[in-house]
Amino acid sequence: MAIICLRCVLKRVCVKGVEPTTTGELKHDVAITLVLLKKEILPSFFDVMTHLLVHLVEELEFCGPVHTQWMYLKPQGVGLG
């Protein structure tokens, strides 16, 4: 169940259009998801990278959709069809 919640949260973070009214609910869902993960997975799994999920939602509020902020852009003319 925790992995399914994580997938749903990441899917909502990576959408192309974001409604500002849903970010509060998304913050709550991230917190619940991290609690579920901590109950199921060994503590040695959790490091700074799992905590960054909280900050992705904050960046979503401040900077807009995540897909406009990717570090590595897709080169023009390259694709799968």
PDB file of N, CA and C in Angstrom:
ATOM      1  N   MET A   1       0.819  -1.185   0.000  1.00  0.00           N
ATOM      2  CA  MET A   1       0.000   0.000   0.000  1.00  0.00           C
ATOM      3  C   MET A   1       0.868   1.255   0.000  1.00  0.00           C
ATOM      4  N   ALA A   2       1.984   1.214   0.723  1.00  0.00           N
ATOM      5  CA  ALA A   2       2.866   2.378   0.804  1.00  0.00           C
ATOM      6  C   ALA A   2       3.486   2.695  -0.548  1.00  0.00           C
ATOM      7  N   ILE A   3       3.860   1.670  -1.301  1.00  0.00           N
ATOM      8  CA  ILE A   3       4.457   1.882  -2.625  1.00  0.00           C
ATOM      9  C   ILE A   3       3.417   2.452  -3.588  1.00  0.00           C
ATOM     10  N   ILE A   4       2.187   2.013  -3.476  1.00  0.00           N
ATOM     11  CA  ILE A   4       1.121   2.549  -4.333  1.00  0.00           C
ATOM     12  C   ILE A   4       0.880   4.020  -4.013  1.00  0.00           C
ATOM     13  N   CYS A   5       0.894   4.362  -2.727  1.00  0.00           N
ATOM     14  CA  CYS A   5       0.733   5.768  -2.335  1.00  0.00           C
ATOM     15  C   CYS A   5       1.886   6.615  -2.854  1.00  0.00           C
ATOM     16  N   LEU A   6       3.100   6.077  -2.804  1.00  0.00           N
ATOM     17  CA  LEU A   6       4.255   6.804  -3.320  1.00  0.00           C
ATOM     18  C   LEU A   6       4.125   7.046  -4.815  1.00  0.00           C
ATOM     19  N   ARG A   7       3.661   6.044  -5.549  1.00  0.00           N
ATOM     20  CA  ARG A   7       3.459   6.194  -6.985  1.00  0.00           C
ATOM     21  C   ARG A   7       2.424   7.273  -7.281  1.00  0.00           C
ATOM     22  N   CYS A   8       1.347   7.283  -6.530  1.00  0.00           N
ATOM     23  CA  CYS A   8       0.299   8.289  -6.745  1.00  0.00           C
ATOM     24  C   CYS A   8       0.805   9.700  -6.449  1.00  0.00           C
ATOM     25  N   VAL A   9       1.588   9.842  -5.388  1.00  0.00           N
ATOM     26  CA  VAL A   9       2.133  11.157  -5.044  1.00  0.00           C
ATOM     27  C   VAL A   9       3.081  11.638  -6.140  1.00  0.00           C
ATOM     28  N   LEU A  10       3.974  10.775  -6.591  1.00  0.00           N
ATOM     29  CA  LEU A  10       4.920  11.177  -7.636  1.00  0.00           C
ATOM     30  C   LEU A  10       4.209  11.499  -8.947  1.00  0.00           C
ATOM     31  N   LYS A  11       3.150  10.778  -9.221  1.00  0.00           N
ATOM     32  CA  LYS A  11       2.367  11.065 -10.424  1.00  0.00           C
ATOM     33  C   LYS A  11       1.731  12.448 -10.341  1.00  0.00           C
ATOM     34  N   ARG A  12       1.237  12.800  -9.159  1.00  0.00           N
ATOM     35  CA  ARG A  12       0.628  14.125  -8.981  1.00  0.00           C
ATOM     36  C   ARG A  12       1.663  15.241  -8.998  1.00  0.00           C
ATOM     37  N   VAL A  13       2.882  14.961  -8.553  1.00  0.00           N
ATOM     38  CA  VAL A  13       3.937  15.980  -8.567  1.00  0.00           C
ATOM     39  C   VAL A  13       4.403  16.258  -9.981  1.00  0.00           C
ATOM     40  N   CYS A  14       4.408  15.257 -10.846  1.00  0.00           N
ATOM     41  CA  CYS A  14       4.985  15.380 -12.182  1.00  0.00           C
ATOM     42  C   CYS A  14       3.979  15.704 -13.284  1.00  0.00           C
ATOM     43  N   VAL A  15       2.802  16.206 -12.938  1.00  0.00           N
ATOM     44  CA  VAL A  15       1.822  16.555 -13.962  1.00  0.00           C
ATOM     45  C   VAL A  15       2.227  17.850 -14.663  1.00  0.00           C
ATOM     46  N   LYS A  16       1.691  18.060 -15.864  1.00  0.00           N
ATOM     47  CA  LYS A  16       2.043  19.258 -16.622  1.00  0.00           C
ATOM     48  C   LYS A  16       1.288  20.493 -16.160  1.00  0.00           C
ATOM     49  N   GLY A  17       0.118  20.322 -15.618  1.00  0.00           N
ATOM     50  CA  GLY A  17      -0.664  21.442 -15.120  1.00  0.00           C
ATOM     51  C   GLY A  17      -0.966  21.267 -13.645  1.00  0.00           C
ATOM     52  N   VAL A  18      -0.706  22.288 -12.849  1.00  0.00           N
ATOM     53  CA  VAL A  18      -0.884  22.193 -11.402  1.00  0.00           C
ATOM     54  C   VAL A  18      -1.896  23.227 -10.948  1.00  0.00           C
ATOM     55  N   GLU A  19      -2.849  22.787 -10.149  1.00  0.00           N
ATOM     56  CA  GLU A  19      -3.790  23.715  -9.535  1.00  0.00           C
ATOM     57  C   GLU A  19      -3.238  24.114  -8.166  1.00  0.00           C
ATOM     58  N   PRO A  20      -3.062  25.410  -7.930  1.00  0.00           N
ATOM     59  CA  PRO A  20      -2.479  25.845  -6.652  1.00  0.00           C
ATOM     60  C   PRO A  20      -3.305  25.437  -5.432  1.00  0.00           C
ATOM     61  N   THR A  21      -4.576  25.197  -5.610  1.00  0.00           N
ATOM     62  CA  THR A  21      -5.426  24.849  -4.474  1.00  0.00           C
ATOM     63  C   THR A  21      -5.197  23.425  -3.977  1.00  0.00           C
ATOM     64  N   THR A  22      -4.549  22.597  -4.777  1.00  0.00           N
ATOM     65  CA  THR A  22      -4.359  21.192  -4.386  1.00  0.00           C
ATOM     66  C   THR A  22      -3.014  20.926  -3.722  1.00  0.00           C
ATOM     67  N   THR A  23      -2.144  21.929  -3.613  1.00  0.00           N
ATOM     68  CA  THR A  23      -0.821  21.677  -3.044  1.00  0.00           C
ATOM     69  C   THR A  23      -0.883  21.383  -1.550  1.00  0.00           C
ATOM     70  N   GLY A  24      -1.836  21.968  -0.837  1.00  0.00           N
ATOM     71  CA  GLY A  24      -1.981  21.656   0.589  1.00  0.00           C
ATOM     72  C   GLY A  24      -2.355  20.205   0.809  1.00  0.00           C
ATOM     73  N   GLU A  25      -3.257  19.712  -0.011  1.00  0.00           N
ATOM     74  CA  GLU A  25      -3.646  18.306   0.064  1.00  0.00           C
ATOM     75  C   GLU A  25      -2.478  17.395  -0.318  1.00  0.00           C
ATOM     76  N   LEU A  26      -1.694  17.840  -1.301  1.00  0.00           N
ATOM     77  CA  LEU A  26      -0.540  17.050  -1.732  1.00  0.00           C
ATOM     78  C   LEU A  26       0.522  16.982  -0.632  1.00  0.00           C
ATOM     79  N   LYS A  27       0.728  18.076   0.101  1.00  0.00           N
ATOM     80  CA  LYS A  27       1.665  18.057   1.237  1.00  0.00           C
ATOM     81  C   LYS A  27       1.217  17.032   2.277  1.00  0.00           C
ATOM     82  N   HIS A  28      -0.066  17.004   2.543  1.00  0.00           N
ATOM     83  CA  HIS A  28      -0.609  16.044   3.507  1.00  0.00           C
ATOM     84  C   HIS A  28      -0.402  14.614   3.010  1.00  0.00           C
ATOM     85  N   ASP A  29      -0.644  14.376   1.733  1.00  0.00           N
ATOM     86  CA  ASP A  29      -0.473  13.039   1.161  1.00  0.00           C
ATOM     87  C   ASP A  29       0.989  12.595   1.193  1.00  0.00           C
ATOM     88  N   VAL A  30       1.916  13.526   0.980  1.00  0.00           N
ATOM     89  CA  VAL A  30       3.341  13.187   1.058  1.00  0.00           C
ATOM     90  C   VAL A  30       3.699  12.771   2.479  1.00  0.00           C
ATOM     91  N   ALA A  31       3.214  13.504   3.462  1.00  0.00           N
ATOM     92  CA  ALA A  31       3.507  13.168   4.856  1.00  0.00           C
ATOM     93  C   ALA A  31       2.952  11.790   5.216  1.00  0.00           C
ATOM     94  N   ILE A  32       1.728  11.512   4.816  1.00  0.00           N
ATOM     95  CA  ILE A  32       1.129  10.203   5.097  1.00  0.00           C
ATOM     96  C   ILE A  32       1.906   9.090   4.396  1.00  0.00           C
ATOM     97  N   THR A  33       2.314   9.343   3.160  1.00  0.00           N
ATOM     98  CA  THR A  33       3.064   8.346   2.400  1.00  0.00           C
ATOM     99  C   THR A  33       4.398   8.038   3.064  1.00  0.00           C
ATOM    100  N   LEU A  34       5.105   9.073   3.526  1.00  0.00           N
ATOM    101  CA  LEU A  34       6.383   8.829   4.202  1.00  0.00           C
ATOM    102  C   LEU A  34       6.198   8.058   5.501  1.00  0.00           C
ATOM    103  N   VAL A  35       5.114   8.321   6.227  1.00  0.00           N
ATOM    104  CA  VAL A  35       4.833   7.564   7.450  1.00  0.00           C
ATOM    105  C   VAL A  35       4.560   6.098   7.117  1.00  0.00           C
ATOM    106  N   LEU A  36       3.778   5.856   6.059  1.00  0.00           N
ATOM    107  CA  LEU A  36       3.504   4.474   5.652  1.00  0.00           C
ATOM    108  C   LEU A  36       4.789   3.750   5.238  1.00  0.00           C
ATOM    109  N   LEU A  37       5.657   4.460   4.526  1.00  0.00           N
ATOM    110  CA  LEU A  37       6.921   3.849   4.112  1.00  0.00           C
ATOM    111  C   LEU A  37       7.799   3.519   5.316  1.00  0.00           C
ATOM    112  N   LYS A  38       7.833   4.427   6.288  1.00  0.00           N
ATOM    113  CA  LYS A  38       8.662   4.187   7.471  1.00  0.00           C
ATOM    114  C   LYS A  38       8.149   3.015   8.299  1.00  0.00           C
ATOM    115  N   LYS A  39       6.849   2.752   8.230  1.00  0.00           N
ATOM    116  CA  LYS A  39       6.292   1.609   8.952  1.00  0.00           C
ATOM    117  C   LYS A  39       6.647   0.287   8.274  1.00  0.00           C
ATOM    118  N   GLU A  40       6.842   0.297   6.958  1.00  0.00           N
ATOM    119  CA  GLU A  40       7.028  -0.943   6.202  1.00  0.00           C
ATOM    120  C   GLU A  40       8.487  -1.255   5.849  1.00  0.00           C
ATOM    121  N   ILE A  41       9.306  -0.222   5.709  1.00  0.00           N
ATOM    122  CA  ILE A  41      10.669  -0.402   5.192  1.00  0.00           C
ATOM    123  C   ILE A  41      11.681  -0.121   6.297  1.00  0.00           C
ATOM    124  N   LEU A  42      12.818  -0.780   6.231  1.00  0.00           N
ATOM    125  CA  LEU A  42      13.872  -0.602   7.224  1.00  0.00           C
ATOM    126  C   LEU A  42      14.335   0.852   7.297  1.00  0.00           C
ATOM    127  N   PRO A  43      14.675   1.334   8.471  1.00  0.00           N
ATOM    128  CA  PRO A  43      15.107   2.727   8.629  1.00  0.00           C
ATOM    129  C   PRO A  43      16.366   3.072   7.835  1.00  0.00           C
ATOM    130  N   SER A  44      17.192   2.094   7.517  1.00  0.00           N
ATOM    131  CA  SER A  44      18.413   2.379   6.761  1.00  0.00           C
ATOM    132  C   SER A  44      18.115   2.835   5.333  1.00  0.00           C
ATOM    133  N   PHE A  45      16.888   2.620   4.855  1.00  0.00           N
ATOM    134  CA  PHE A  45      16.498   3.072   3.523  1.00  0.00           C
ATOM    135  C   PHE A  45      16.362   4.587   3.465  1.00  0.00           C
ATOM    136  N   PHE A  46      15.970   5.200   4.564  1.00  0.00           N
ATOM    137  CA  PHE A  46      15.639   6.612   4.575  1.00  0.00           C
ATOM    138  C   PHE A  46      16.879   7.470   4.752  1.00  0.00           C
ATOM    139  N   ASP A  47      17.062   8.371   3.827  1.00  0.00           N
ATOM    140  CA  ASP A  47      18.157   9.324   3.875  1.00  0.00           C
ATOM    141  C   ASP A  47      17.630  10.670   3.380  1.00  0.00           C
ATOM    142  N   VAL A  48      18.519  11.521   2.948  1.00  0.00           N
ATOM    143  CA  VAL A  48      18.119  12.849   2.493  1.00  0.00           C
ATOM    144  C   VAL A  48      17.213  12.769   1.268  1.00  0.00           C
ATOM    145  N   MET A  49      17.401  11.796   0.418  1.00  0.00           N
ATOM    146  CA  MET A  49      16.632  11.722  -0.822  1.00  0.00           C
ATOM    147  C   MET A  49      15.136  11.490  -0.565  1.00  0.00           C
ATOM    148  N   THR A  50      14.797  10.723   0.438  1.00  0.00           N
ATOM    149  CA  THR A  50      13.374  10.528   0.728  1.00  0.00           C
ATOM    150  C   THR A  50      12.768  11.798   1.317  1.00  0.00           C
ATOM    151  N   HIS A  51      13.569  12.563   2.032  1.00  0.00           N
ATOM    152  CA  HIS A  51      13.085  13.824   2.588  1.00  0.00           C
ATOM    153  C   HIS A  51      12.855  14.867   1.487  1.00  0.00           C
ATOM    154  N   LEU A  52      13.564  14.755   0.393  1.00  0.00           N
ATOM    155  CA  LEU A  52      13.418  15.718  -0.697  1.00  0.00           C
ATOM    156  C   LEU A  52      12.036  15.673  -1.331  1.00  0.00           C
ATOM    157  N   LEU A  53      11.322  14.606  -1.138  1.00  0.00           N
ATOM    158  CA  LEU A  53       9.953  14.521  -1.646  1.00  0.00           C
ATOM    159  C   LEU A  53       9.080  15.631  -1.063  1.00  0.00           C
ATOM    160  N   VAL A  54       9.316  15.980   0.194  1.00  0.00           N
ATOM    161  CA  VAL A  54       8.576  17.077   0.824  1.00  0.00           C
ATOM    162  C   VAL A  54       8.887  18.388   0.110  1.00  0.00           C
ATOM    163  N   HIS A  55      10.141  18.584  -0.246  1.00  0.00           N
ATOM    164  CA  HIS A  55      10.548  19.833  -0.881  1.00  0.00           C
ATOM    165  C   HIS A  55      10.100  19.918  -2.345  1.00  0.00           C
ATOM    166  N   LEU A  56       9.873  18.797  -2.983  1.00  0.00           N
ATOM    167  CA  LEU A  56       9.348  18.834  -4.348  1.00  0.00           C
ATOM    168  C   LEU A  56       7.970  19.499  -4.381  1.00  0.00           C
ATOM    169  N   VAL A  57       7.171  19.241  -3.387  1.00  0.00           N
ATOM    170  CA  VAL A  57       5.846  19.856  -3.327  1.00  0.00           C
ATOM    171  C   VAL A  57       5.971  21.356  -3.090  1.00  0.00           C
ATOM    172  N   GLU A  58       6.920  21.762  -2.240  1.00  0.00           N
ATOM    173  CA  GLU A  58       7.141  23.191  -2.017  1.00  0.00           C
ATOM    174  C   GLU A  58       7.595  23.880  -3.293  1.00  0.00           C
ATOM    175  N   GLU A  59       8.489  23.242  -4.037  1.00  0.00           N
ATOM    176  CA  GLU A  59       8.936  23.809  -5.304  1.00  0.00           C
ATOM    177  C   GLU A  59       7.802  23.881  -6.305  1.00  0.00           C
ATOM    178  N   LEU A  60       6.905  22.957  -6.225  1.00  0.00           N
ATOM    179  CA  LEU A  60       5.728  22.972  -7.090  1.00  0.00           C
ATOM    180  C   LEU A  60       4.906  24.232  -6.840  1.00  0.00           C
ATOM    181  N   GLU A  61       4.807  24.635  -5.585  1.00  0.00           N
ATOM    182  CA  GLU A  61       4.084  25.861  -5.243  1.00  0.00           C
ATOM    183  C   GLU A  61       4.807  27.102  -5.759  1.00  0.00           C
ATOM    184  N   PHE A  62       6.119  27.146  -5.565  1.00  0.00           N
ATOM    185  CA  PHE A  62       6.885  28.353  -5.869  1.00  0.00           C
ATOM    186  C   PHE A  62       7.244  28.485  -7.340  1.00  0.00           C
ATOM    187  N   CYS A  63       7.613  27.386  -7.980  1.00  0.00           N
ATOM    188  CA  CYS A  63       8.191  27.444  -9.324  1.00  0.00           C
ATOM    189  C   CYS A  63       7.275  26.919 -10.424  1.00  0.00           C
ATOM    190  N   GLY A  64       6.198  26.287 -10.078  1.00  0.00           N
ATOM    191  CA  GLY A  64       5.314  25.742 -11.094  1.00  0.00           C
ATOM    192  C   GLY A  64       5.616  24.281 -11.372  1.00  0.00           C
ATOM    193  N   PRO A  65       5.105  23.768 -12.482  1.00  0.00           N
ATOM    194  CA  PRO A  65       5.254  22.347 -12.793  1.00  0.00           C
ATOM    195  C   PRO A  65       6.711  21.877 -12.815  1.00  0.00           C
ATOM    196  N   VAL A  66       6.909  20.661 -12.358  1.00  0.00           N
ATOM    197  CA  VAL A  66       8.251  20.104 -12.231  1.00  0.00           C
ATOM    198  C   VAL A  66       8.899  19.890 -13.595  1.00  0.00           C
ATOM    199  N   HIS A  67       8.105  19.553 -14.617  1.00  0.00           N
ATOM    200  CA  HIS A  67       8.700  19.223 -15.916  1.00  0.00           C
ATOM    201  C   HIS A  67       9.413  20.421 -16.540  1.00  0.00           C
ATOM    202  N   THR A  68       9.135  21.643 -16.095  1.00  0.00           N
ATOM    203  CA  THR A  68       9.842  22.811 -16.624  1.00  0.00           C
ATOM    204  C   THR A  68      11.161  23.047 -15.914  1.00  0.00           C
ATOM    205  N   GLN A  69      11.454  22.272 -14.874  1.00  0.00           N
ATOM    206  CA  GLN A  69      12.650  22.481 -14.070  1.00  0.00           C
ATOM    207  C   GLN A  69      13.651  21.333 -14.146  1.00  0.00           C
ATOM    208  N   TRP A  70      13.422  20.354 -15.013  1.00  0.00           N
ATOM    209  CA  TRP A  70      14.340  19.220 -15.062  1.00  0.00           C
ATOM    210  C   TRP A  70      15.748  19.693 -15.366  1.00  0.00           C
ATOM    211  N   MET A  71      16.710  19.050 -14.767  1.00  0.00           N
ATOM    212  CA  MET A  71      18.107  19.430 -14.939  1.00  0.00           C
ATOM    213  C   MET A  71      18.597  19.097 -16.341  1.00  0.00           C
ATOM    214  N   TYR A  72      18.176  17.966 -16.876  1.00  0.00           N
ATOM    215  CA  TYR A  72      18.631  17.529 -18.192  1.00  0.00           C
ATOM    216  C   TYR A  72      17.473  17.629 -19.179  1.00  0.00           C
ATOM    217  N   LEU A  73      17.577  18.527 -20.103  1.00  0.00           N
ATOM    218  CA  LEU A  73      16.526  18.685 -21.103  1.00  0.00           C
ATOM    219  C   LEU A  73      16.684  17.658 -22.211  1.00  0.00           C
ATOM    220  N   LYS A  74      15.592  17.286 -22.818  1.00  0.00           N
ATOM    221  CA  LYS A  74      15.601  16.359 -23.938  1.00  0.00           C
ATOM    222  C   LYS A  74      16.094  17.109 -25.177  1.00  0.00           C
ATOM    223  N   PRO A  75      17.128  16.621 -25.859  1.00  0.00           N
ATOM    224  CA  PRO A  75      17.621  17.294 -27.070  1.00  0.00           C
ATOM    225  C   PRO A  75      16.553  17.314 -28.154  1.00  0.00           C
ATOM    226  N   GLN A  76      16.537  18.358 -28.944  1.00  0.00           N
ATOM    227  CA  GLN A  76      15.570  18.472 -30.032  1.00  0.00           C
ATOM    228  C   GLN A  76      15.830  17.403 -31.086  1.00  0.00           C
ATOM    229  N   GLY A  77      14.783  16.814 -31.594  1.00  0.00           N
ATOM    230  CA  GLY A  77      14.899  15.814 -32.655  1.00  0.00           C
ATOM    231  C   GLY A  77      15.158  14.412 -32.137  1.00  0.00           C
ATOM    232  N   VAL A  78      15.307  14.246 -30.831  1.00  0.00           N
ATOM    233  CA  VAL A  78      15.562  12.918 -30.263  1.00  0.00           C
ATOM    234  C   VAL A  78      14.276  12.440 -29.606  1.00  0.00           C
ATOM    235  N   GLY A  79      13.864  11.244 -29.942  1.00  0.00           N
ATOM    236  CA  GLY A  79      12.642  10.728 -29.344  1.00  0.00           C
ATOM    237  C   GLY A  79      12.362   9.317 -29.822  1.00  0.00           C
ATOM    238  N   LEU A  80      11.291   8.791 -29.329  1.00  0.00           N
ATOM    239  CA  LEU A  80      10.917   7.425 -29.687  1.00  0.00           C
ATOM    240  C   LEU A  80       9.785   7.390 -30.705  1.00  0.00           C
ATOM    241  N   GLY A  81       9.659   8.396 -31.463  1.00  0.00           N
ATOM    242  CA  GLY A  81       8.643   8.316 -32.494  1.00  0.00           C
ATOM    243  C   GLY A  81       7.677   9.399 -32.566  1.00  0.00           C
TER     244      GLY A  81
END
